[in-house]
Amino acid sequence: MTTIQRIKTISEFHRTRSLPPPEHPLISVVNFADVRLTQDHQGNSWVYDFYSISLKRNIGGKIRYGQQAYDFDEGIMFFIAPGQVFSIERDADARGERSGWMLMIHPDFFWNTTLAKSIKQYEYFGYTTHEALFVSQKEEGTLKGIIENIRQEYHANIDKYSQNIIISQIETLLNYSERFYNRQFLTRKKANHQLLDRLEEKLTDYFNSDALISKGLPSVQDIAEALNASPKYLSSVLKVLTGQTAQQHIHEKLLDKAKEKLTTSEASVSEIAYELGFEHPQSFSKLFKTKTGLSPLEFRQSFQSN
């Protein structure tokens, strides 16, 4: 049975990884090559009570985060928010020198700053699968420069400007990461279009079955789980490819089905609403008019008049 071990503080992380005490209790940058895991830690799953942003090379195994395992043969970044579970699978035959960095930030460091709330808007902290970010050598250099600025700032004499300067550097790091993720979605067209094709297939099967009547409209969570992706990741990919979120995509599919029923059947609006999983016809009519500008009855009449 896998043990889940919680690391509550950055100081505790340093202690359990054979690192010297951190210079600052709420933020730390460490070289990945210096991090050590004892044999007792093998096979454990981990939960941090702080944010972790890492770029690692030659990890000597795989990190399993959500449902997906990643080989760290190249420069790969991943982002862990407080409370998320991940595990490390060591490879006894791994070769190559480990390198990279880890930035750890306790949520208390963000207190009374803009990042206290805005950090939750960076969706990649919620990617429980397919979340690793591959960066080019040039991109890695850009990120490394920001990390060095953060390291130098908290190693210097702390003054009233220190926190704001570090916060601005972290925001820059997060914004660059968001840009690189967007680039990754665009360049990995085949994999992302395959995800879109699978989404269309799942939604078509769902809308052509009796599931709408028995279960109602599928949630983004339901569809994402069926695709082995996180809701945030699914919405991010769709946003890049189609301009719509996963929720908007589901509603679009629902509207297509509603239009089909309104134009090819004699069923009443109330009956169609029920067939589409709505308990109350007025809820269906409200959604339909919001999305199309016409009520279901007006849409049917306009179609029949053409």
C-alpha atoms as a PDB file:
ATOM      1  CA  MET A   1       0.000   0.000   0.000  1.00  0.00           C
ATOM      2  CA  THR A   2       1.425   3.371  -1.041  1.00  0.00           C
ATOM      3  CA  THR A   3       2.122   5.820   1.772  1.00  0.00           C
ATOM      4  CA  ILE A   4       1.167   9.455   1.242  1.00  0.00           C
ATOM      5  CA  GLN A   5       3.666  11.686   3.008  1.00  0.00           C
ATOM      6  CA  ARG A   6       2.823  15.337   3.638  1.00  0.00           C
ATOM      7  CA  ILE A   7       5.511  18.023   3.650  1.00  0.00           C
ATOM      8  CA  LYS A   8       4.078  21.031   5.464  1.00  0.00           C
ATOM      9  CA  THR A   9       6.892  23.561   5.261  1.00  0.00           C
ATOM     10  CA  ILE A  10       9.808  24.438   3.025  1.00  0.00           C
ATOM     11  CA  SER A  11      12.148  23.920   5.989  1.00  0.00           C
ATOM     12  CA  GLU A  12      10.817  20.366   6.320  1.00  0.00           C
ATOM     13  CA  PHE A  13      11.427  19.771   2.609  1.00  0.00           C
ATOM     14  CA  HIS A  14      15.042  20.907   2.991  1.00  0.00           C
ATOM     15  CA  ARG A  15      15.521  18.672   6.020  1.00  0.00           C
ATOM     16  CA  THR A  16      14.053  15.542   4.411  1.00  0.00           C
ATOM     17  CA  ARG A  17      16.052  16.070   1.203  1.00  0.00           C
ATOM     18  CA  SER A  18      19.432  16.499   2.955  1.00  0.00           C
ATOM     19  CA  LEU A  19      19.624  20.203   2.080  1.00  0.00           C
ATOM     20  CA  PRO A  20      20.893  23.008   4.328  1.00  0.00           C
ATOM     21  CA  PRO A  21      18.178  25.103   6.006  1.00  0.00           C
ATOM     22  CA  PRO A  22      16.502  27.590   3.639  1.00  0.00           C
ATOM     23  CA  GLU A  23      17.611  31.221   3.666  1.00  0.00           C
ATOM     24  CA  HIS A  24      13.939  32.259   3.856  1.00  0.00           C
ATOM     25  CA  PRO A  25      11.206  30.145   5.518  1.00  0.00           C
ATOM     26  CA  LEU A  26       8.568  30.920   2.869  1.00  0.00           C
ATOM     27  CA  ILE A  27      10.513  30.772  -0.410  1.00  0.00           C
ATOM     28  CA  SER A  28      13.462  28.770  -1.659  1.00  0.00           C
ATOM     29  CA  VAL A  29      15.292  27.941  -4.878  1.00  0.00           C
ATOM     30  CA  VAL A  30      17.357  24.748  -4.846  1.00  0.00           C
ATOM     31  CA  ASN A  31      19.501  22.965  -7.407  1.00  0.00           C
ATOM     32  CA  PHE A  32      17.856  19.703  -8.378  1.00  0.00           C
ATOM     33  CA  ALA A  33      21.250  17.944  -8.382  1.00  0.00           C
ATOM     34  CA  ASP A  34      21.533  18.620  -4.627  1.00  0.00           C
ATOM     35  CA  VAL A  35      18.185  17.043  -3.721  1.00  0.00           C
ATOM     36  CA  ARG A  36      18.455  13.597  -2.126  1.00  0.00           C
ATOM     37  CA  LEU A  37      15.775  10.992  -1.439  1.00  0.00           C
ATOM     38  CA  THR A  38      16.576   8.200   1.013  1.00  0.00           C
ATOM     39  CA  GLN A  39      15.630   4.568   0.394  1.00  0.00           C
ATOM     40  CA  ASP A  40      12.798   4.991   2.918  1.00  0.00           C
ATOM     41  CA  HIS A  41      11.156   7.470   0.587  1.00  0.00           C
ATOM     42  CA  GLN A  42      11.009   5.099  -2.391  1.00  0.00           C
ATOM     43  CA  GLY A  43       7.477   4.268  -3.527  1.00  0.00           C
ATOM     44  CA  ASN A  44       5.858   6.999  -1.468  1.00  0.00           C
ATOM     45  CA  SER A  45       3.365   9.529  -2.754  1.00  0.00           C
ATOM     46  CA  TRP A  46       3.794  13.132  -1.705  1.00  0.00           C
ATOM     47  CA  VAL A  47       1.674  16.140  -0.869  1.00  0.00           C
ATOM     48  CA  TYR A  48       3.177  19.603  -0.401  1.00  0.00           C
ATOM     49  CA  ASP A  49       1.511  22.430   1.525  1.00  0.00           C
ATOM     50  CA  PHE A  50       3.301  24.909  -0.737  1.00  0.00           C
ATOM     51  CA  TYR A  51       3.658  25.664  -4.447  1.00  0.00           C
ATOM     52  CA  SER A  52       6.424  23.940  -6.365  1.00  0.00           C
ATOM     53  CA  ILE A  53       7.656  24.970  -9.811  1.00  0.00           C
ATOM     54  CA  SER A  54      10.433  22.778 -11.183  1.00  0.00           C
ATOM     55  CA  LEU A  55      12.569  22.283 -14.232  1.00  0.00           C
ATOM     56  CA  LYS A  56      14.391  18.968 -14.088  1.00  0.00           C
ATOM     57  CA  ARG A  57      16.645  16.963 -16.362  1.00  0.00           C
ATOM     58  CA  ASN A  58      17.729  13.318 -15.923  1.00  0.00           C
ATOM     59  CA  ILE A  59      15.517  12.742 -12.912  1.00  0.00           C
ATOM     60  CA  GLY A  60      16.507   9.078 -12.896  1.00  0.00           C
ATOM     61  CA  GLY A  61      12.984   7.701 -13.115  1.00  0.00           C
ATOM     62  CA  LYS A  62       9.462   8.935 -13.584  1.00  0.00           C
ATOM     63  CA  ILE A  63       7.189  11.325 -11.811  1.00  0.00           C
ATOM     64  CA  ARG A  64       3.594  10.192 -11.720  1.00  0.00           C
ATOM     65  CA  TYR A  65       1.269  13.121 -11.348  1.00  0.00           C
ATOM     66  CA  GLY A  66      -2.409  12.294 -11.681  1.00  0.00           C
ATOM     67  CA  GLN A  67      -2.713   9.435 -14.202  1.00  0.00           C
ATOM     68  CA  GLN A  68       0.324  10.115 -16.374  1.00  0.00           C
ATOM     69  CA  ALA A  69       3.999   9.226 -15.991  1.00  0.00           C
ATOM     70  CA  TYR A  70       6.743  11.428 -17.437  1.00  0.00           C
ATOM     71  CA  ASP A  71      10.294  10.581 -18.460  1.00  0.00           C
ATOM     72  CA  PHE A  72      12.552  13.501 -17.605  1.00  0.00           C
ATOM     73  CA  ASP A  73      15.077  13.028 -20.379  1.00  0.00           C
ATOM     74  CA  GLU A  74      14.817  16.644 -21.530  1.00  0.00           C
ATOM     75  CA  GLY A  75      14.190  19.951 -19.814  1.00  0.00           C
ATOM     76  CA  ILE A  76      10.669  19.511 -18.487  1.00  0.00           C
ATOM     77  CA  MET A  77       8.719  21.762 -16.153  1.00  0.00           C
ATOM     78  CA  PHE A  78       5.826  20.853 -13.978  1.00  0.00           C
ATOM     79  CA  PHE A  79       3.733  22.817 -11.528  1.00  0.00           C
ATOM     80  CA  ILE A  80       2.334  21.524  -8.240  1.00  0.00           C
ATOM     81  CA  ALA A  81      -0.170  23.436  -6.120  1.00  0.00           C
ATOM     82  CA  PRO A  82      -0.655  22.797  -2.390  1.00  0.00           C
ATOM     83  CA  GLY A  83      -2.609  19.619  -1.665  1.00  0.00           C
ATOM     84  CA  GLN A  84      -1.906  17.771  -4.937  1.00  0.00           C
ATOM     85  CA  VAL A  85      -0.627  14.189  -4.838  1.00  0.00           C
ATOM     86  CA  PHE A  86       2.315  12.944  -6.900  1.00  0.00           C
ATOM     87  CA  SER A  87       4.812  10.104  -6.708  1.00  0.00           C
ATOM     88  CA  ILE A  88       8.356   9.370  -7.852  1.00  0.00           C
ATOM     89  CA  GLU A  89       9.354   6.057  -9.410  1.00  0.00           C
ATOM     90  CA  ARG A  90      13.115   5.600  -9.371  1.00  0.00           C
ATOM     91  CA  ASP A  91      15.008   3.837 -12.126  1.00  0.00           C
ATOM     92  CA  ALA A  92      17.958   1.893 -10.711  1.00  0.00           C
ATOM     93  CA  ASP A  93      19.677   1.852 -14.106  1.00  0.00           C
ATOM     94  CA  ALA A  94      19.292   5.577 -14.772  1.00  0.00           C
ATOM     95  CA  ARG A  95      22.380   7.368 -16.051  1.00  0.00           C
ATOM     96  CA  GLY A  96      23.286  10.945 -16.663  1.00  0.00           C
ATOM     97  CA  GLU A  97      23.875  13.888 -14.410  1.00  0.00           C
ATOM     98  CA  ARG A  98      20.780  15.384 -12.842  1.00  0.00           C
ATOM     99  CA  SER A  99      20.295  19.103 -13.310  1.00  0.00           C
ATOM    100  CA  GLY A 100      17.676  21.797 -13.026  1.00  0.00           C
ATOM    101  CA  TRP A 101      16.036  23.804 -10.288  1.00  0.00           C
ATOM    102  CA  MET A 102      13.093  23.871  -7.939  1.00  0.00           C
ATOM    103  CA  LEU A 103      11.254  26.972  -6.770  1.00  0.00           C
ATOM    104  CA  MET A 104       9.111  26.487  -3.670  1.00  0.00           C
ATOM    105  CA  ILE A 105       6.769  29.189  -2.382  1.00  0.00           C
ATOM    106  CA  HIS A 106       4.560  28.903   0.669  1.00  0.00           C
ATOM    107  CA  PRO A 107       1.113  30.529   0.206  1.00  0.00           C
ATOM    108  CA  ASP A 108       1.847  32.788   3.182  1.00  0.00           C
ATOM    109  CA  PHE A 109       4.490  34.537   1.078  1.00  0.00           C
ATOM    110  CA  PHE A 110       1.686  35.837  -1.161  1.00  0.00           C
ATOM    111  CA  TRP A 111      -0.249  37.344   1.726  1.00  0.00           C
ATOM    112  CA  ASN A 112      -1.424  40.894   0.971  1.00  0.00           C
ATOM    113  CA  THR A 113      -0.128  40.748  -2.631  1.00  0.00           C
ATOM    114  CA  THR A 114      -1.867  40.473  -5.997  1.00  0.00           C
ATOM    115  CA  LEU A 115      -0.639  36.885  -6.414  1.00  0.00           C
ATOM    116  CA  ALA A 116      -2.622  35.703  -3.378  1.00  0.00           C
ATOM    117  CA  LYS A 117      -5.669  35.414  -5.659  1.00  0.00           C
ATOM    118  CA  SER A 118      -4.277  35.624  -9.173  1.00  0.00           C
ATOM    119  CA  ILE A 119      -2.038  32.542  -8.862  1.00  0.00           C
ATOM    120  CA  LYS A 120      -5.212  30.428  -8.940  1.00  0.00           C
ATOM    121  CA  GLN A 121      -5.914  31.778 -12.430  1.00  0.00           C
ATOM    122  CA  TYR A 122      -2.897  29.967 -13.873  1.00  0.00           C
ATOM    123  CA  GLU A 123      -4.649  26.829 -15.035  1.00  0.00           C
ATOM    124  CA  TYR A 124      -1.540  24.661 -15.412  1.00  0.00           C
ATOM    125  CA  PHE A 125      -1.389  24.238 -11.626  1.00  0.00           C
ATOM    126  CA  GLY A 126      -4.556  22.176 -12.067  1.00  0.00           C
ATOM    127  CA  TYR A 127      -3.361  19.866 -14.866  1.00  0.00           C
ATOM    128  CA  THR A 128      -3.519  16.459 -13.231  1.00  0.00           C
ATOM    129  CA  THR A 129      -2.507  14.745 -16.450  1.00  0.00           C
ATOM    130  CA  HIS A 130      -0.565  15.745 -19.587  1.00  0.00           C
ATOM    131  CA  GLU A 131       0.655  18.728 -17.595  1.00  0.00           C
ATOM    132  CA  ALA A 132       4.407  18.617 -18.204  1.00  0.00           C
ATOM    133  CA  LEU A 133       5.808  21.583 -20.112  1.00  0.00           C
ATOM    134  CA  PHE A 134       8.672  20.930 -22.527  1.00  0.00           C
ATOM    135  CA  VAL A 135      10.882  23.968 -23.030  1.00  0.00           C
ATOM    136  CA  SER A 136      13.474  24.783 -25.653  1.00  0.00           C
ATOM    137  CA  GLN A 137      17.033  25.737 -24.761  1.00  0.00           C
ATOM    138  CA  LYS A 138      16.226  29.393 -25.388  1.00  0.00           C
ATOM    139  CA  GLU A 139      13.069  29.236 -23.256  1.00  0.00           C
ATOM    140  CA  GLU A 140      14.956  27.450 -20.503  1.00  0.00           C
ATOM    141  CA  GLY A 141      17.542  30.239 -20.512  1.00  0.00           C
ATOM    142  CA  THR A 142      14.825  32.866 -20.097  1.00  0.00           C
ATOM    143  CA  LEU A 143      13.316  31.017 -17.125  1.00  0.00           C
ATOM    144  CA  LYS A 144      16.701  30.375 -15.543  1.00  0.00           C
ATOM    145  CA  GLY A 145      17.462  34.097 -15.603  1.00  0.00           C
ATOM    146  CA  ILE A 146      14.238  34.829 -13.697  1.00  0.00           C
ATOM    147  CA  ILE A 147      14.994  32.091 -11.156  1.00  0.00           C
ATOM    148  CA  GLU A 148      18.456  33.552 -10.563  1.00  0.00           C
ATOM    149  CA  ASN A 149      16.908  36.987  -9.958  1.00  0.00           C
ATOM    150  CA  ILE A 150      14.597  35.472  -7.341  1.00  0.00           C
ATOM    151  CA  ARG A 151      17.454  33.593  -5.691  1.00  0.00           C
ATOM    152  CA  GLN A 152      19.695  36.639  -5.537  1.00  0.00           C
ATOM    153  CA  GLU A 153      16.930  38.834  -4.135  1.00  0.00           C
ATOM    154  CA  TYR A 154      16.046  36.662  -1.135  1.00  0.00           C
ATOM    155  CA  HIS A 155      19.722  35.886  -0.481  1.00  0.00           C
ATOM    156  CA  ALA A 156      20.440  39.618  -0.240  1.00  0.00           C
ATOM    157  CA  ASN A 157      19.588  41.725   2.753  1.00  0.00           C
ATOM    158  CA  ILE A 158      15.785  41.709   3.008  1.00  0.00           C
ATOM    159  CA  ASP A 159      14.239  45.193   2.975  1.00  0.00           C
ATOM    160  CA  LYS A 160      10.784  46.668   2.375  1.00  0.00           C
ATOM    161  CA  TYR A 161      11.160  46.279  -1.397  1.00  0.00           C
ATOM    162  CA  SER A 162      12.220  42.627  -1.397  1.00  0.00           C
ATOM    163  CA  GLN A 163       8.804  40.974  -1.370  1.00  0.00           C
ATOM    164  CA  ASN A 164       7.388  43.142  -4.167  1.00  0.00           C
ATOM    165  CA  ILE A 165      10.456  42.544  -6.330  1.00  0.00           C
ATOM    166  CA  ILE A 166      10.278  38.776  -5.802  1.00  0.00           C
ATOM    167  CA  ILE A 167       6.510  38.749  -6.427  1.00  0.00           C
ATOM    168  CA  SER A 168       6.991  40.584  -9.731  1.00  0.00           C
ATOM    169  CA  GLN A 169       9.647  38.038 -10.750  1.00  0.00           C
ATOM    170  CA  ILE A 170       7.321  35.137  -9.893  1.00  0.00           C
ATOM    171  CA  GLU A 171       4.534  36.737 -11.949  1.00  0.00           C
ATOM    172  CA  THR A 172       6.952  37.076 -14.872  1.00  0.00           C
ATOM    173  CA  LEU A 173       7.893  33.394 -14.509  1.00  0.00           C
ATOM    174  CA  LEU A 174       4.229  32.348 -14.472  1.00  0.00           C
ATOM    175  CA  ASN A 175       3.371  34.517 -17.481  1.00  0.00           C
ATOM    176  CA  TYR A 176       6.258  33.128 -19.524  1.00  0.00           C
ATOM    177  CA  SER A 177       5.168  29.607 -18.551  1.00  0.00           C
ATOM    178  CA  GLU A 178       1.650  30.382 -19.749  1.00  0.00           C
ATOM    179  CA  ARG A 179       3.052  31.615 -23.061  1.00  0.00           C
ATOM    180  CA  PHE A 180       5.145  28.460 -23.455  1.00  0.00           C
ATOM    181  CA  TYR A 181       2.148  26.238 -22.663  1.00  0.00           C
ATOM    182  CA  ASN A 182       0.143  28.042 -25.332  1.00  0.00           C
ATOM    183  CA  ARG A 183       3.000  27.458 -27.783  1.00  0.00           C
ATOM    184  CA  GLN A 184       3.067  23.779 -26.814  1.00  0.00           C
ATOM    185  CA  PHE A 185      -0.654  23.394 -27.486  1.00  0.00           C
ATOM    186  CA  LEU A 186      -0.200  24.912 -30.941  1.00  0.00           C
ATOM    187  CA  THR A 187       2.880  22.899 -31.916  1.00  0.00           C
ATOM    188  CA  ARG A 188       1.475  19.581 -30.712  1.00  0.00           C
ATOM    189  CA  LYS A 189      -1.405  19.761 -33.131  1.00  0.00           C
ATOM    190  CA  LYS A 190      -1.703  16.043 -33.762  1.00  0.00           C
ATOM    191  CA  ALA A 191      -2.058  15.030 -30.111  1.00  0.00           C
ATOM    192  CA  ASN A 192      -4.381  17.916 -29.328  1.00  0.00           C
ATOM    193  CA  HIS A 193      -6.558  17.323 -32.374  1.00  0.00           C
ATOM    194  CA  GLN A 194      -6.771  13.676 -31.366  1.00  0.00           C
ATOM    195  CA  LEU A 195      -8.050  14.860 -27.983  1.00  0.00           C
ATOM    196  CA  LEU A 196     -10.611  17.034 -29.770  1.00  0.00           C
ATOM    197  CA  ASP A 197     -11.667  14.091 -31.966  1.00  0.00           C
ATOM    198  CA  ARG A 198     -12.099  11.877 -28.898  1.00  0.00           C
ATOM    199  CA  LEU A 199     -14.137  14.613 -27.205  1.00  0.00           C
ATOM    200  CA  GLU A 200     -16.436  14.845 -30.229  1.00  0.00           C
ATOM    201  CA  GLU A 201     -16.833  11.068 -30.238  1.00  0.00           C
ATOM    202  CA  LYS A 202     -17.661  10.937 -26.516  1.00  0.00           C
ATOM    203  CA  LEU A 203     -20.184  13.776 -26.782  1.00  0.00           C
ATOM    204  CA  THR A 204     -21.815  12.309 -29.901  1.00  0.00           C
ATOM    205  CA  ASP A 205     -22.226   8.912 -28.204  1.00  0.00           C
ATOM    206  CA  TYR A 206     -23.588  10.578 -25.079  1.00  0.00           C
ATOM    207  CA  PHE A 207     -26.084  12.787 -26.912  1.00  0.00           C
ATOM    208  CA  ASN A 208     -27.271   9.904 -29.114  1.00  0.00           C
ATOM    209  CA  SER A 209     -27.932   7.644 -26.125  1.00  0.00           C
ATOM    210  CA  ASP A 210     -30.517   7.803 -23.352  1.00  0.00           C
ATOM    211  CA  ALA A 211     -27.908   9.272 -20.995  1.00  0.00           C
ATOM    212  CA  LEU A 212     -29.317  12.802 -21.329  1.00  0.00           C
ATOM    213  CA  ILE A 213     -32.674  11.652 -19.947  1.00  0.00           C
ATOM    214  CA  SER A 214     -31.233   9.481 -17.175  1.00  0.00           C
ATOM    215  CA  LYS A 215     -28.179  11.536 -16.194  1.00  0.00           C
ATOM    216  CA  GLY A 216     -28.733  15.010 -17.615  1.00  0.00           C
ATOM    217  CA  LEU A 217     -26.147  17.188 -19.310  1.00  0.00           C
ATOM    218  CA  PRO A 218     -22.618  15.816 -18.811  1.00  0.00           C
ATOM    219  CA  SER A 219     -20.321  17.927 -16.671  1.00  0.00           C
ATOM    220  CA  VAL A 220     -16.862  19.013 -17.775  1.00  0.00           C
ATOM    221  CA  GLN A 221     -15.487  16.813 -14.977  1.00  0.00           C
ATOM    222  CA  ASP A 222     -17.314  13.740 -16.368  1.00  0.00           C
ATOM    223  CA  ILE A 223     -16.072  14.303 -19.908  1.00  0.00           C
ATOM    224  CA  ALA A 224     -12.518  15.092 -18.788  1.00  0.00           C
ATOM    225  CA  GLU A 225     -12.334  11.886 -16.734  1.00  0.00           C
ATOM    226  CA  ALA A 226     -13.572   9.865 -19.729  1.00  0.00           C
ATOM    227  CA  LEU A 227     -10.720  11.386 -21.757  1.00  0.00           C
ATOM    228  CA  ASN A 228      -8.142  10.847 -18.974  1.00  0.00           C
ATOM    229  CA  ALA A 229      -7.498  14.582 -18.735  1.00  0.00           C
ATOM    230  CA  SER A 230      -8.134  17.236 -16.134  1.00  0.00           C
ATOM    231  CA  PRO A 231     -10.994  19.715 -16.696  1.00  0.00           C
ATOM    232  CA  LYS A 232      -8.594  22.655 -16.794  1.00  0.00           C
ATOM    233  CA  TYR A 233      -6.283  20.981 -19.278  1.00  0.00           C
ATOM    234  CA  LEU A 234      -9.193  20.018 -21.528  1.00  0.00           C
ATOM    235  CA  SER A 235     -10.570  23.563 -21.482  1.00  0.00           C
ATOM    236  CA  SER A 236      -7.130  25.058 -22.150  1.00  0.00           C
ATOM    237  CA  VAL A 237      -6.535  22.870 -25.206  1.00  0.00           C
ATOM    238  CA  LEU A 238     -10.031  23.568 -26.559  1.00  0.00           C
ATOM    239  CA  LYS A 239      -9.604  27.304 -25.987  1.00  0.00           C
ATOM    240  CA  VAL A 240      -6.493  27.298 -28.159  1.00  0.00           C
ATOM    241  CA  LEU A 241      -7.944  25.040 -30.867  1.00  0.00           C
ATOM    242  CA  THR A 242     -11.552  26.262 -31.040  1.00  0.00           C
ATOM    243  CA  GLY A 243     -11.799  29.457 -28.981  1.00  0.00           C
ATOM    244  CA  GLN A 244     -14.274  27.754 -26.655  1.00  0.00           C
ATOM    245  CA  THR A 245     -13.957  26.269 -23.184  1.00  0.00           C
ATOM    246  CA  ALA A 246     -15.062  22.692 -22.517  1.00  0.00           C
ATOM    247  CA  GLN A 247     -18.312  23.967 -20.963  1.00  0.00           C
ATOM    248  CA  GLN A 248     -19.054  26.093 -24.025  1.00  0.00           C
ATOM    249  CA  HIS A 249     -18.256  23.110 -26.256  1.00  0.00           C
ATOM    250  CA  ILE A 250     -20.750  20.911 -24.386  1.00  0.00           C
ATOM    251  CA  HIS A 251     -23.414  23.629 -24.648  1.00  0.00           C
ATOM    252  CA  GLU A 252     -22.703  23.958 -28.384  1.00  0.00           C
ATOM    253  CA  LYS A 253     -23.248  20.229 -28.796  1.00  0.00           C
ATOM    254  CA  LEU A 254     -26.473  20.479 -26.812  1.00  0.00           C
ATOM    255  CA  LEU A 255     -27.716  23.323 -29.018  1.00  0.00           C
ATOM    256  CA  ASP A 256     -26.938  21.347 -32.178  1.00  0.00           C
ATOM    257  CA  LYS A 257     -28.991  18.455 -30.822  1.00  0.00           C
ATOM    258  CA  ALA A 258     -31.810  20.808 -29.815  1.00  0.00           C
ATOM    259  CA  LYS A 259     -31.885  22.409 -33.284  1.00  0.00           C
ATOM    260  CA  GLU A 260     -31.985  18.958 -34.864  1.00  0.00           C
ATOM    261  CA  LYS A 261     -34.980  17.932 -32.746  1.00  0.00           C
ATOM    262  CA  LEU A 262     -36.792  21.249 -33.292  1.00  0.00           C
ATOM    263  CA  THR A 263     -36.486  20.984 -37.078  1.00  0.00           C
ATOM    264  CA  THR A 264     -36.967  17.235 -37.657  1.00  0.00           C
ATOM    265  CA  SER A 265     -39.599  16.202 -35.131  1.00  0.00           C
ATOM    266  CA  GLU A 266     -43.108  17.135 -34.076  1.00  0.00           C
ATOM    267  CA  ALA A 267     -42.221  16.941 -30.363  1.00  0.00           C
ATOM    268  CA  SER A 268     -43.209  19.900 -28.222  1.00  0.00           C
ATOM    269  CA  VAL A 269     -40.590  22.206 -26.707  1.00  0.00           C
ATOM    270  CA  SER A 270     -41.342  20.664 -23.294  1.00  0.00           C
ATOM    271  CA  GLU A 271     -40.817  17.144 -24.655  1.00  0.00           C
ATOM    272  CA  ILE A 272     -37.554  18.130 -26.316  1.00  0.00           C
ATOM    273  CA  ALA A 273     -36.377  19.786 -23.108  1.00  0.00           C
ATOM    274  CA  TYR A 274     -37.038  16.527 -21.243  1.00  0.00           C
ATOM    275  CA  GLU A 275     -35.238  14.463 -23.911  1.00  0.00           C
ATOM    276  CA  LEU A 276     -32.235  16.756 -23.517  1.00  0.00           C
ATOM    277  CA  GLY A 277     -32.080  16.180 -19.768  1.00  0.00           C
ATOM    278  CA  PHE A 278     -33.788  19.349 -18.490  1.00  0.00           C
ATOM    279  CA  GLU A 279     -36.153  18.984 -15.541  1.00  0.00           C
ATOM    280  CA  HIS A 280     -37.770  22.327 -16.317  1.00  0.00           C
ATOM    281  CA  PRO A 281     -38.581  23.383 -19.916  1.00  0.00           C
ATOM    282  CA  GLN A 282     -38.061  27.044 -19.027  1.00  0.00           C
ATOM    283  CA  SER A 283     -34.405  26.316 -18.165  1.00  0.00           C
ATOM    284  CA  PHE A 284     -33.927  24.845 -21.638  1.00  0.00           C
ATOM    285  CA  SER A 285     -35.732  27.760 -23.297  1.00  0.00           C
ATOM    286  CA  LYS A 286     -33.636  30.294 -21.376  1.00  0.00           C
ATOM    287  CA  LEU A 287     -30.347  28.640 -22.377  1.00  0.00           C
ATOM    288  CA  PHE A 288     -31.442  28.284 -25.998  1.00  0.00           C
ATOM    289  CA  LYS A 289     -32.441  31.952 -26.274  1.00  0.00           C
ATOM    290  CA  THR A 290     -29.258  33.121 -24.542  1.00  0.00           C
ATOM    291  CA  LYS A 291     -27.135  31.213 -27.057  1.00  0.00           C
ATOM    292  CA  THR A 292     -29.150  31.789 -30.243  1.00  0.00           C
ATOM    293  CA  GLY A 293     -31.171  34.969 -29.663  1.00  0.00           C
ATOM    294  CA  LEU A 294     -34.387  33.058 -30.392  1.00  0.00           C
ATOM    295  CA  SER A 295     -36.700  30.985 -28.237  1.00  0.00           C
ATOM    296  CA  PRO A 296     -37.019  27.314 -29.269  1.00  0.00           C
ATOM    297  CA  LEU A 297     -40.479  28.001 -30.690  1.00  0.00           C
ATOM    298  CA  GLU A 298     -39.259  31.062 -32.619  1.00  0.00           C
ATOM    299  CA  PHE A 299     -36.373  29.015 -34.022  1.00  0.00           C
ATOM    300  CA  ARG A 300     -38.739  26.264 -35.170  1.00  0.00           C
ATOM    301  CA  GLN A 301     -41.122  28.785 -36.779  1.00  0.00           C
ATOM    302  CA  SER A 302     -38.303  30.618 -38.554  1.00  0.00           C
ATOM    303  CA  PHE A 303     -37.001  27.353 -39.935  1.00  0.00           C
ATOM    304  CA  GLN A 304     -40.445  26.287 -41.151  1.00  0.00           C
ATOM    305  CA  SER A 305     -41.032  29.658 -42.837  1.00  0.00           C
ATOM    306  CA  ASN A 306     -37.884  29.371 -44.965  1.00  0.00           C
END
